[in-house]
Amino acid sequence: MSTSPPLQHHGEPVAWWRYPMVWLVIGGPLAVVIASLATAFIAARGADPVLGPEERGGISERSSTPESMTPALQARNHAATPKP
């Protein structure tokens, strides 16, 4: 007993959309396209505003002197030295 749909129904060919495999082949890429458009829409509507120079408040932006970078340099140098 065959479970696949017949190629002809009452002497006429069966339409392409009547085959379940067609919907599996089309459905995957279509779902990806719809998901990517939804993601792009969410990203465009929920974008954070760009801060100007007077609104930025990071530590490195407030004090860019070499003394303020000392802990970072010590940690970097400590990680690069081999253990005795």
N, C-alpha and C. Protein backbone atom coordinates (compact mmCIF):
# COMPACT_ATOMS: atom_id res chain seq x y z
N MET A 1 0.84 -1.17 0.00
CA MET A 1 0.00 0.00 0.00
C MET A 1 0.89 1.24 0.00
N SER A 2 0.65 2.16 -0.87
CA SER A 2 1.45 3.37 -1.01
C SER A 2 0.77 4.53 -0.28
N THR A 3 1.56 5.29 0.46
CA THR A 3 1.01 6.44 1.17
C THR A 3 1.30 7.76 0.46
N SER A 4 2.06 7.72 -0.62
CA SER A 4 2.35 8.96 -1.35
C SER A 4 1.13 9.35 -2.18
N PRO A 5 0.92 10.67 -2.39
CA PRO A 5 -0.25 11.09 -3.16
C PRO A 5 -0.09 10.70 -4.63
N PRO A 6 -1.16 10.42 -5.30
CA PRO A 6 -1.06 10.03 -6.71
C PRO A 6 -0.65 11.22 -7.57
N LEU A 7 -0.01 10.90 -8.69
CA LEU A 7 0.39 11.97 -9.60
C LEU A 7 -0.80 12.51 -10.37
N GLN A 8 -1.83 11.72 -10.45
CA GLN A 8 -3.04 12.17 -11.14
C GLN A 8 -4.25 11.81 -10.29
N HIS A 9 -5.22 12.67 -10.33
CA HIS A 9 -6.46 12.44 -9.61
C HIS A 9 -7.60 12.54 -10.62
N HIS A 10 -8.26 11.43 -10.88
CA HIS A 10 -9.34 11.35 -11.86
C HIS A 10 -8.86 11.78 -13.25
N GLY A 11 -7.64 11.40 -13.56
CA GLY A 11 -7.13 11.69 -14.90
C GLY A 11 -6.48 13.05 -15.04
N GLU A 12 -6.54 13.91 -14.03
CA GLU A 12 -5.92 15.23 -14.11
C GLU A 12 -4.72 15.27 -13.17
N PRO A 13 -3.68 16.00 -13.56
CA PRO A 13 -2.51 16.08 -12.67
C PRO A 13 -2.85 16.82 -11.37
N VAL A 14 -2.17 16.42 -10.30
CA VAL A 14 -2.38 17.04 -8.99
C VAL A 14 -1.56 18.33 -8.93
N ALA A 15 -2.13 19.37 -8.35
CA ALA A 15 -1.44 20.66 -8.24
C ALA A 15 -0.22 20.55 -7.33
N TRP A 16 0.76 21.41 -7.55
CA TRP A 16 2.02 21.32 -6.81
C TRP A 16 1.82 21.58 -5.33
N TRP A 17 0.85 22.40 -4.95
CA TRP A 17 0.67 22.72 -3.54
C TRP A 17 -0.03 21.60 -2.76
N ARG A 18 -0.41 20.56 -3.43
CA ARG A 18 -1.04 19.43 -2.74
C ARG A 18 -0.03 18.44 -2.17
N TYR A 19 1.24 18.60 -2.49
CA TYR A 19 2.28 17.70 -1.99
C TYR A 19 2.86 18.26 -0.69
N PRO A 20 2.85 17.47 0.40
CA PRO A 20 3.39 17.96 1.69
C PRO A 20 4.87 18.30 1.63
N MET A 21 5.65 17.60 0.81
CA MET A 21 7.09 17.86 0.73
C MET A 21 7.36 19.27 0.20
N VAL A 22 6.52 19.77 -0.66
CA VAL A 22 6.69 21.13 -1.19
C VAL A 22 6.62 22.14 -0.05
N TRP A 23 5.69 21.94 0.88
CA TRP A 23 5.53 22.88 2.00
C TRP A 23 6.69 22.77 2.97
N LEU A 24 7.30 21.60 3.08
CA LEU A 24 8.49 21.48 3.92
C LEU A 24 9.67 22.23 3.30
N VAL A 25 9.79 22.14 1.98
CA VAL A 25 10.90 22.82 1.28
C VAL A 25 10.70 24.33 1.30
N ILE A 26 9.49 24.80 1.12
CA ILE A 26 9.21 26.24 1.09
C ILE A 26 9.12 26.81 2.50
N GLY A 27 8.57 26.04 3.43
CA GLY A 27 8.30 26.55 4.77
C GLY A 27 9.53 26.93 5.56
N GLY A 28 10.60 26.16 5.47
CA GLY A 28 11.82 26.46 6.23
C GLY A 28 12.42 27.81 5.87
N PRO A 29 12.78 28.01 4.61
CA PRO A 29 13.32 29.33 4.22
C PRO A 29 12.35 30.48 4.44
N LEU A 30 11.06 30.24 4.24
CA LEU A 30 10.07 31.29 4.47
C LEU A 30 10.03 31.68 5.94
N ALA A 31 10.11 30.72 6.83
CA ALA A 31 10.13 31.02 8.26
C ALA A 31 11.37 31.83 8.63
N VAL A 32 12.51 31.52 8.02
CA VAL A 32 13.74 32.26 8.30
C VAL A 32 13.63 33.70 7.80
N VAL A 33 13.06 33.91 6.64
CA VAL A 33 12.89 35.26 6.10
C VAL A 33 11.96 36.08 6.99
N ILE A 34 10.85 35.49 7.42
CA ILE A 34 9.91 36.20 8.29
C ILE A 34 10.56 36.53 9.63
N ALA A 35 11.32 35.58 10.19
CA ALA A 35 12.00 35.83 11.47
C ALA A 35 13.05 36.93 11.32
N SER A 36 13.77 36.96 10.21
CA SER A 36 14.79 38.00 10.03
C SER A 36 14.15 39.38 9.86
N LEU A 37 13.03 39.45 9.17
CA LEU A 37 12.34 40.73 9.03
C LEU A 37 11.79 41.21 10.38
N ALA A 38 11.27 40.28 11.16
CA ALA A 38 10.78 40.65 12.49
C ALA A 38 11.93 41.13 13.38
N THR A 39 13.08 40.47 13.29
CA THR A 39 14.25 40.88 14.07
C THR A 39 14.74 42.26 13.64
N ALA A 40 14.77 42.51 12.34
CA ALA A 40 15.18 43.83 11.85
C ALA A 40 14.22 44.91 12.31
N PHE A 41 12.93 44.61 12.31
CA PHE A 41 11.94 45.58 12.77
C PHE A 41 12.12 45.88 14.25
N ILE A 42 12.33 44.86 15.05
CA ILE A 42 12.54 45.06 16.49
C ILE A 42 13.82 45.85 16.74
N ALA A 43 14.87 45.55 16.00
CA ALA A 43 16.15 46.25 16.18
C ALA A 43 16.03 47.72 15.78
N ALA A 44 15.29 48.00 14.73
CA ALA A 44 15.16 49.39 14.26
C ALA A 44 14.29 50.21 15.21
N ARG A 45 13.25 49.62 15.74
CA ARG A 45 12.35 50.37 16.63
C ARG A 45 12.90 50.50 18.04
N GLY A 46 13.73 49.57 18.47
CA GLY A 46 14.23 49.59 19.83
C GLY A 46 15.67 50.04 19.95
N ALA A 47 16.18 50.75 18.95
CA ALA A 47 17.58 51.18 18.97
C ALA A 47 17.80 52.22 20.06
N ASP A 48 18.91 52.09 20.76
CA ASP A 48 19.27 53.06 21.79
C ASP A 48 19.78 54.34 21.14
N PRO A 49 19.51 55.48 21.73
CA PRO A 49 20.01 56.73 21.15
C PRO A 49 21.53 56.83 21.31
N VAL A 50 22.14 57.52 20.36
CA VAL A 50 23.59 57.74 20.41
C VAL A 50 23.86 58.89 21.36
N LEU A 51 24.78 58.68 22.29
CA LEU A 51 25.11 59.71 23.27
C LEU A 51 26.14 60.67 22.70
N GLY A 52 25.97 61.94 23.01
CA GLY A 52 26.95 62.94 22.61
C GLY A 52 28.13 62.94 23.56
N PRO A 53 29.17 63.71 23.25
CA PRO A 53 30.35 63.72 24.11
C PRO A 53 30.07 64.21 25.52
N GLU A 54 29.11 65.11 25.69
CA GLU A 54 28.82 65.63 27.02
C GLU A 54 27.98 64.64 27.85
N GLU A 55 27.34 63.67 27.20
CA GLU A 55 26.50 62.71 27.91
C GLU A 55 27.23 61.43 28.29
N ARG A 56 28.38 61.21 27.71
CA ARG A 56 29.12 59.99 28.01
C ARG A 56 29.70 60.08 29.41
N GLY A 57 29.71 58.96 30.12
CA GLY A 57 30.17 59.01 31.50
C GLY A 57 31.07 57.86 31.87
N GLY A 58 31.71 57.23 30.91
CA GLY A 58 32.58 56.09 31.23
C GLY A 58 33.83 56.51 31.97
N ILE A 59 34.41 55.61 32.71
CA ILE A 59 35.63 55.89 33.46
C ILE A 59 36.77 56.30 32.52
N SER A 60 36.93 55.58 31.43
CA SER A 60 38.03 55.88 30.52
C SER A 60 37.82 57.21 29.81
N GLU A 61 36.59 57.65 29.69
CA GLU A 61 36.32 58.92 29.03
C GLU A 61 36.55 60.10 29.97
N ARG A 62 36.32 59.89 31.27
CA ARG A 62 36.50 60.98 32.22
C ARG A 62 37.96 61.28 32.47
N SER A 63 38.75 60.25 32.60
CA SER A 63 40.17 60.46 32.89
C SER A 63 40.99 59.54 31.99
N SER A 64 41.62 60.13 31.01
CA SER A 64 42.40 59.34 30.08
C SER A 64 43.90 59.53 30.32
N THR A 65 44.28 59.83 31.54
CA THR A 65 45.70 59.99 31.86
C THR A 65 46.32 58.61 32.04
N PRO A 66 47.61 58.50 31.87
CA PRO A 66 48.27 57.19 32.05
C PRO A 66 48.11 56.63 33.47
N GLU A 67 47.97 57.50 34.47
CA GLU A 67 47.80 57.02 35.84
C GLU A 67 46.49 56.27 36.01
N SER A 68 45.45 56.68 35.29
CA SER A 68 44.16 56.01 35.42
C SER A 68 44.17 54.64 34.77
N MET A 69 45.13 54.39 33.88
CA MET A 69 45.21 53.11 33.20
C MET A 69 46.15 52.14 33.90
N THR A 70 46.76 52.53 35.00
CA THR A 70 47.74 51.68 35.68
C THR A 70 47.19 50.33 36.09
N PRO A 71 46.01 50.21 36.74
CA PRO A 71 45.53 48.88 37.10
C PRO A 71 45.33 47.97 35.89
N ALA A 72 44.86 48.52 34.79
CA ALA A 72 44.65 47.69 33.60
C ALA A 72 45.98 47.23 33.03
N LEU A 73 46.97 48.11 33.02
CA LEU A 73 48.28 47.72 32.51
C LEU A 73 48.92 46.66 33.40
N GLN A 74 48.78 46.80 34.72
CA GLN A 74 49.34 45.80 35.62
C GLN A 74 48.67 44.45 35.42
N ALA A 75 47.38 44.42 35.26
CA ALA A 75 46.68 43.16 35.05
C ALA A 75 47.08 42.53 33.73
N ARG A 76 47.23 43.33 32.70
CA ARG A 76 47.65 42.80 31.41
C ARG A 76 49.05 42.23 31.49
N ASN A 77 49.94 42.96 32.12
CA ASN A 77 51.32 42.49 32.23
C ASN A 77 51.41 41.25 33.12
N HIS A 78 50.58 41.20 34.17
CA HIS A 78 50.60 40.04 35.04
C HIS A 78 50.11 38.79 34.31
N ALA A 79 49.12 38.95 33.47
CA ALA A 79 48.58 37.81 32.72
C ALA A 79 49.55 37.32 31.66
N ALA A 80 50.42 38.20 31.17
CA ALA A 80 51.34 37.83 30.10
C ALA A 80 52.63 37.21 30.62
N THR A 81 52.93 37.39 31.88
CA THR A 81 54.19 36.84 32.41
C THR A 81 54.00 35.38 32.78
N PRO A 82 55.01 34.56 32.54
CA PRO A 82 54.89 33.15 32.91
C PRO A 82 55.00 32.96 34.42
N LYS A 83 54.38 31.92 34.91
CA LYS A 83 54.44 31.60 36.34
C LYS A 83 55.77 30.93 36.64
N PRO A 84 56.40 31.29 37.79
CA PRO A 84 57.70 30.65 38.12
C PRO A 84 57.52 29.22 38.61
